[in-house]
């Protein structure tokens, strides 16, 4: 588990953490992945109980995936959707507009 040590405000969710704190975390996660020799891995971060957050502070997990099986590492499964392209384009435009605000 990787946690922000400069998180004086004790952010529970990622959107509550100042950008300057977030900027430090992924380079550290990268170094951890290299240090443990993980060729294949997931970097996981959960926000909220229904999103499987158990510890009430922003943190990341570096999870090695040593084999292409469900026996080791993170196992991911969720229902996939194939929305129509026009819906995706509309969502894209909406997100771009919100990001520019």
N, C-alpha and C. Protein backbone atom coordinates (compact mmCIF):
# COMPACT_ATOMS: atom_id res chain seq x y z
N UNK A 1 0.85 -1.17 0.00
CA UNK A 1 0.00 0.00 0.00
C UNK A 1 0.89 1.23 0.00
N UNK A 2 0.51 2.21 -0.78
CA UNK A 2 1.25 3.46 -0.90
C UNK A 2 0.33 4.59 -0.50
N UNK A 3 0.73 5.39 0.48
CA UNK A 3 -0.10 6.48 0.98
C UNK A 3 0.66 7.79 0.89
N UNK A 4 -0.07 8.88 0.76
CA UNK A 4 0.56 10.18 0.70
C UNK A 4 0.96 10.65 2.09
N UNK A 5 2.25 10.81 2.33
CA UNK A 5 2.72 11.23 3.65
C UNK A 5 2.53 12.73 3.86
N UNK A 6 2.35 13.48 2.79
CA UNK A 6 2.16 14.92 2.93
C UNK A 6 0.69 15.29 3.01
N UNK A 7 -0.15 14.32 3.23
CA UNK A 7 -1.58 14.55 3.25
C UNK A 7 -2.03 15.06 4.62
N UNK A 8 -1.73 16.33 4.91
CA UNK A 8 -2.05 16.90 6.21
C UNK A 8 -3.56 17.01 6.42
N UNK A 9 -4.33 17.09 5.35
CA UNK A 9 -5.78 17.21 5.46
C UNK A 9 -6.47 15.86 5.58
N UNK A 10 -5.73 14.80 5.55
CA UNK A 10 -6.27 13.45 5.64
C UNK A 10 -7.42 13.25 4.65
N UNK A 11 -7.12 13.33 3.39
CA UNK A 11 -8.12 13.12 2.35
C UNK A 11 -8.56 11.67 2.33
N UNK A 12 -9.85 11.47 2.23
CA UNK A 12 -10.42 10.13 2.17
C UNK A 12 -10.49 9.66 0.72
N UNK A 13 -10.82 10.56 -0.19
CA UNK A 13 -10.97 10.21 -1.60
C UNK A 13 -10.02 11.04 -2.46
N UNK A 14 -9.68 10.50 -3.60
CA UNK A 14 -8.69 11.14 -4.48
C UNK A 14 -9.05 12.58 -4.82
N UNK A 15 -10.31 12.85 -5.11
CA UNK A 15 -10.69 14.21 -5.50
C UNK A 15 -10.56 15.21 -4.36
N UNK A 16 -10.34 14.74 -3.14
CA UNK A 16 -10.15 15.62 -2.00
C UNK A 16 -8.67 15.96 -1.78
N UNK A 17 -7.79 15.30 -2.48
CA UNK A 17 -6.35 15.46 -2.29
C UNK A 17 -5.82 16.54 -3.23
N UNK A 18 -5.00 17.47 -2.75
CA UNK A 18 -4.42 18.48 -3.63
C UNK A 18 -3.58 17.84 -4.74
N UNK A 19 -3.61 18.46 -5.91
CA UNK A 19 -2.88 17.92 -7.06
C UNK A 19 -1.40 17.71 -6.77
N UNK A 20 -0.80 18.60 -5.99
CA UNK A 20 0.63 18.46 -5.73
C UNK A 20 0.94 17.19 -4.94
N UNK A 21 -0.01 16.72 -4.13
CA UNK A 21 0.19 15.44 -3.45
C UNK A 21 0.07 14.28 -4.42
N UNK A 22 -0.88 14.37 -5.32
CA UNK A 22 -1.08 13.30 -6.29
C UNK A 22 0.12 13.16 -7.22
N UNK A 23 0.76 14.26 -7.52
CA UNK A 23 1.90 14.23 -8.45
C UNK A 23 3.03 13.35 -7.94
N UNK A 24 3.13 13.18 -6.65
CA UNK A 24 4.21 12.37 -6.07
C UNK A 24 3.92 10.88 -6.08
N UNK A 25 2.65 10.51 -6.10
CA UNK A 25 2.29 9.12 -5.83
C UNK A 25 2.60 8.14 -6.96
N UNK A 26 2.30 8.48 -8.20
CA UNK A 26 2.54 7.51 -9.27
C UNK A 26 4.03 7.25 -9.52
N UNK A 27 4.89 8.26 -9.45
CA UNK A 27 6.32 7.93 -9.56
C UNK A 27 6.80 6.97 -8.47
N UNK A 28 6.24 7.10 -7.27
CA UNK A 28 6.62 6.19 -6.19
C UNK A 28 6.06 4.79 -6.47
N UNK A 29 4.83 4.72 -6.96
CA UNK A 29 4.25 3.42 -7.31
C UNK A 29 5.09 2.74 -8.39
N UNK A 30 5.56 3.51 -9.34
CA UNK A 30 6.43 2.97 -10.40
C UNK A 30 7.71 2.39 -9.79
N UNK A 31 8.32 3.13 -8.88
CA UNK A 31 9.55 2.67 -8.24
C UNK A 31 9.31 1.39 -7.44
N UNK A 32 8.16 1.31 -6.79
CA UNK A 32 7.83 0.10 -6.02
C UNK A 32 7.68 -1.09 -6.96
N UNK A 33 6.98 -0.89 -8.08
CA UNK A 33 6.80 -1.98 -9.05
C UNK A 33 8.15 -2.48 -9.56
N UNK A 34 9.05 -1.55 -9.83
CA UNK A 34 10.39 -1.93 -10.29
C UNK A 34 11.15 -2.65 -9.18
N UNK A 35 11.06 -2.11 -7.97
CA UNK A 35 11.80 -2.69 -6.83
C UNK A 35 11.36 -4.12 -6.52
N UNK A 36 10.07 -4.41 -6.70
CA UNK A 36 9.61 -5.77 -6.41
C UNK A 36 9.73 -6.69 -7.62
N UNK A 37 10.22 -6.13 -8.73
CA UNK A 37 10.45 -6.94 -9.91
C UNK A 37 9.18 -7.34 -10.65
N UNK A 38 8.14 -6.56 -10.50
CA UNK A 38 6.87 -6.88 -11.15
C UNK A 38 6.90 -6.47 -12.62
N UNK A 39 6.82 -7.45 -13.49
CA UNK A 39 6.76 -7.16 -14.93
C UNK A 39 5.34 -6.80 -15.33
N UNK A 40 4.39 -7.47 -14.73
CA UNK A 40 2.96 -7.22 -14.96
C UNK A 40 2.34 -6.90 -13.61
N UNK A 41 1.58 -5.83 -13.55
CA UNK A 41 1.02 -5.41 -12.26
C UNK A 41 -0.14 -4.46 -12.47
N UNK A 42 -0.92 -4.29 -11.42
CA UNK A 42 -2.00 -3.31 -11.39
C UNK A 42 -1.67 -2.28 -10.32
N UNK A 43 -2.05 -1.04 -10.57
CA UNK A 43 -2.02 -0.01 -9.55
C UNK A 43 -3.47 0.31 -9.27
N UNK A 44 -3.90 0.05 -8.04
CA UNK A 44 -5.30 0.14 -7.68
C UNK A 44 -5.51 1.25 -6.66
N UNK A 45 -6.58 2.00 -6.84
CA UNK A 45 -6.97 3.05 -5.89
C UNK A 45 -8.49 3.08 -5.85
N UNK A 46 -9.06 2.90 -4.67
CA UNK A 46 -10.52 2.85 -4.50
C UNK A 46 -11.01 4.11 -3.79
N UNK A 47 -12.20 4.57 -4.14
CA UNK A 47 -12.80 5.76 -3.53
C UNK A 47 -14.22 5.45 -3.09
N UNK A 48 -14.42 5.28 -1.79
CA UNK A 48 -15.76 5.03 -1.25
C UNK A 48 -16.00 3.55 -0.96
N UNK A 49 -16.86 3.33 0.01
CA UNK A 49 -17.15 1.96 0.45
C UNK A 49 -17.68 1.07 -0.67
N UNK A 50 -18.62 1.58 -1.47
CA UNK A 50 -19.17 0.71 -2.51
C UNK A 50 -18.17 0.48 -3.64
N UNK A 51 -17.07 1.24 -3.62
CA UNK A 51 -15.97 1.02 -4.57
C UNK A 51 -14.85 0.23 -3.90
N UNK A 52 -15.15 -0.40 -2.78
CA UNK A 52 -14.25 -1.30 -2.06
C UNK A 52 -13.14 -0.59 -1.28
N UNK A 53 -13.34 0.68 -0.94
CA UNK A 53 -12.37 1.36 -0.08
C UNK A 53 -12.65 0.96 1.36
N UNK A 54 -11.65 0.42 2.03
CA UNK A 54 -11.80 -0.03 3.41
C UNK A 54 -11.09 0.93 4.36
N UNK A 55 -9.94 1.44 3.95
CA UNK A 55 -9.14 2.35 4.78
C UNK A 55 -9.50 3.78 4.39
N UNK A 56 -9.81 4.61 5.37
CA UNK A 56 -10.31 5.95 5.09
C UNK A 56 -9.21 6.99 4.87
N UNK A 57 -8.35 6.73 3.93
CA UNK A 57 -7.41 7.73 3.43
C UNK A 57 -6.99 7.33 2.02
N UNK A 58 -6.55 8.31 1.27
CA UNK A 58 -6.12 8.03 -0.10
C UNK A 58 -4.86 7.17 -0.05
N UNK A 59 -4.91 6.08 -0.76
CA UNK A 59 -3.74 5.20 -0.87
C UNK A 59 -3.86 4.38 -2.15
N UNK A 60 -2.74 3.88 -2.59
CA UNK A 60 -2.66 3.08 -3.80
C UNK A 60 -2.08 1.71 -3.46
N UNK A 61 -2.50 0.72 -4.19
CA UNK A 61 -1.95 -0.63 -4.05
C UNK A 61 -1.18 -0.96 -5.32
N UNK A 62 0.02 -1.48 -5.19
CA UNK A 62 0.78 -2.01 -6.31
C UNK A 62 0.64 -3.53 -6.20
N UNK A 63 -0.07 -4.12 -7.16
CA UNK A 63 -0.43 -5.54 -7.07
C UNK A 63 0.22 -6.30 -8.22
N UNK A 64 1.24 -7.10 -7.93
CA UNK A 64 1.88 -7.89 -8.98
C UNK A 64 0.89 -8.89 -9.59
N UNK A 65 1.02 -9.13 -10.88
CA UNK A 65 0.21 -10.13 -11.59
C UNK A 65 1.18 -11.10 -12.25
N UNK A 66 1.64 -12.10 -11.49
CA UNK A 66 2.70 -12.98 -12.00
C UNK A 66 2.24 -13.98 -13.06
N UNK A 67 0.95 -14.23 -13.15
CA UNK A 67 0.47 -15.22 -14.12
C UNK A 67 -0.86 -14.76 -14.71
N UNK A 68 -1.15 -15.25 -15.90
CA UNK A 68 -2.39 -14.89 -16.59
C UNK A 68 -3.54 -15.79 -16.15
N UNK A 69 -3.66 -15.94 -14.85
CA UNK A 69 -4.74 -16.76 -14.29
C UNK A 69 -5.44 -15.97 -13.20
N UNK A 70 -6.53 -16.51 -12.71
CA UNK A 70 -7.23 -15.89 -11.59
C UNK A 70 -6.70 -16.39 -10.25
N UNK A 71 -5.60 -17.12 -10.28
CA UNK A 71 -5.03 -17.69 -9.06
C UNK A 71 -4.16 -16.70 -8.30
N UNK A 72 -3.59 -15.71 -9.00
CA UNK A 72 -2.67 -14.77 -8.37
C UNK A 72 -2.95 -13.36 -8.87
N UNK A 73 -2.65 -12.39 -8.01
CA UNK A 73 -2.80 -11.00 -8.41
C UNK A 73 -4.25 -10.55 -8.37
N UNK A 74 -4.48 -9.39 -8.93
CA UNK A 74 -5.82 -8.82 -8.96
C UNK A 74 -6.66 -9.51 -10.03
N UNK A 75 -7.86 -9.88 -9.65
CA UNK A 75 -8.80 -10.48 -10.60
C UNK A 75 -9.89 -9.44 -10.84
N UNK A 76 -10.05 -9.07 -12.08
CA UNK A 76 -11.00 -8.01 -12.43
C UNK A 76 -12.13 -8.60 -13.24
N UNK A 77 -13.32 -8.26 -12.85
CA UNK A 77 -14.48 -8.69 -13.62
C UNK A 77 -15.64 -7.75 -13.37
N UNK A 78 -16.14 -7.17 -14.40
CA UNK A 78 -17.34 -6.34 -14.30
C UNK A 78 -18.07 -6.43 -15.62
N UNK A 79 -19.35 -6.13 -15.59
CA UNK A 79 -20.11 -6.23 -16.85
C UNK A 79 -19.65 -5.16 -17.84
N UNK A 80 -19.35 -5.58 -19.02
CA UNK A 80 -18.93 -4.63 -20.05
C UNK A 80 -20.13 -4.16 -20.84
N UNK A 81 -20.00 -2.97 -21.37
CA UNK A 81 -21.06 -2.39 -22.19
C UNK A 81 -20.44 -1.91 -23.50
N UNK A 82 -21.24 -1.88 -24.52
CA UNK A 82 -20.81 -1.35 -25.80
C UNK A 82 -21.79 -0.26 -26.22
N UNK A 83 -21.64 0.93 -25.65
CA UNK A 83 -22.58 2.00 -25.99
C UNK A 83 -22.39 2.46 -27.43
N UNK A 84 -23.45 2.99 -28.01
CA UNK A 84 -23.34 3.50 -29.38
C UNK A 84 -22.31 4.64 -29.46
N UNK A 85 -21.67 4.77 -30.59
CA UNK A 85 -20.63 5.79 -30.79
C UNK A 85 -21.16 7.20 -30.53
N UNK A 86 -22.41 7.47 -30.89
CA UNK A 86 -22.94 8.82 -30.67
C UNK A 86 -23.03 9.13 -29.17
N UNK A 87 -23.33 8.13 -28.35
CA UNK A 87 -23.36 8.35 -26.90
C UNK A 87 -21.95 8.60 -26.37
N UNK A 88 -20.98 7.87 -26.88
CA UNK A 88 -19.60 8.07 -26.45
C UNK A 88 -19.10 9.45 -26.86
N UNK A 89 -19.44 9.88 -28.06
CA UNK A 89 -19.03 11.20 -28.52
C UNK A 89 -19.68 12.30 -27.68
N UNK A 90 -20.93 12.12 -27.32
CA UNK A 90 -21.62 13.10 -26.48
C UNK A 90 -20.99 13.16 -25.09
N UNK A 91 -20.67 12.01 -24.53
CA UNK A 91 -20.01 11.97 -23.23
C UNK A 91 -18.64 12.63 -23.31
N UNK A 92 -17.91 12.35 -24.37
CA UNK A 92 -16.59 12.96 -24.57
C UNK A 92 -16.70 14.48 -24.61
N UNK A 93 -17.65 15.00 -25.35
CA UNK A 93 -17.84 16.45 -25.45
C UNK A 93 -18.22 17.03 -24.09
N UNK A 94 -19.08 16.35 -23.36
CA UNK A 94 -19.50 16.82 -22.04
C UNK A 94 -18.31 16.87 -21.08
N UNK A 95 -17.50 15.83 -21.10
CA UNK A 95 -16.33 15.80 -20.22
C UNK A 95 -15.33 16.88 -20.58
N UNK A 96 -15.09 17.08 -21.86
CA UNK A 96 -14.17 18.14 -22.28
C UNK A 96 -14.64 19.50 -21.79
N UNK A 97 -15.93 19.74 -21.90
CA UNK A 97 -16.49 21.02 -21.44
C UNK A 97 -16.29 21.19 -19.94
N UNK A 98 -16.56 20.15 -19.18
CA UNK A 98 -16.42 20.23 -17.72
C UNK A 98 -14.95 20.39 -17.31
N UNK A 99 -14.05 19.76 -18.04
CA UNK A 99 -12.63 19.87 -17.71
C UNK A 99 -12.07 21.26 -17.99
N UNK A 100 -12.71 21.99 -18.87
CA UNK A 100 -12.24 23.34 -19.21
C UNK A 100 -12.80 24.39 -18.26
N UNK A 101 -13.68 24.02 -17.37
CA UNK A 101 -14.28 24.99 -16.43
C UNK A 101 -13.33 25.30 -15.31
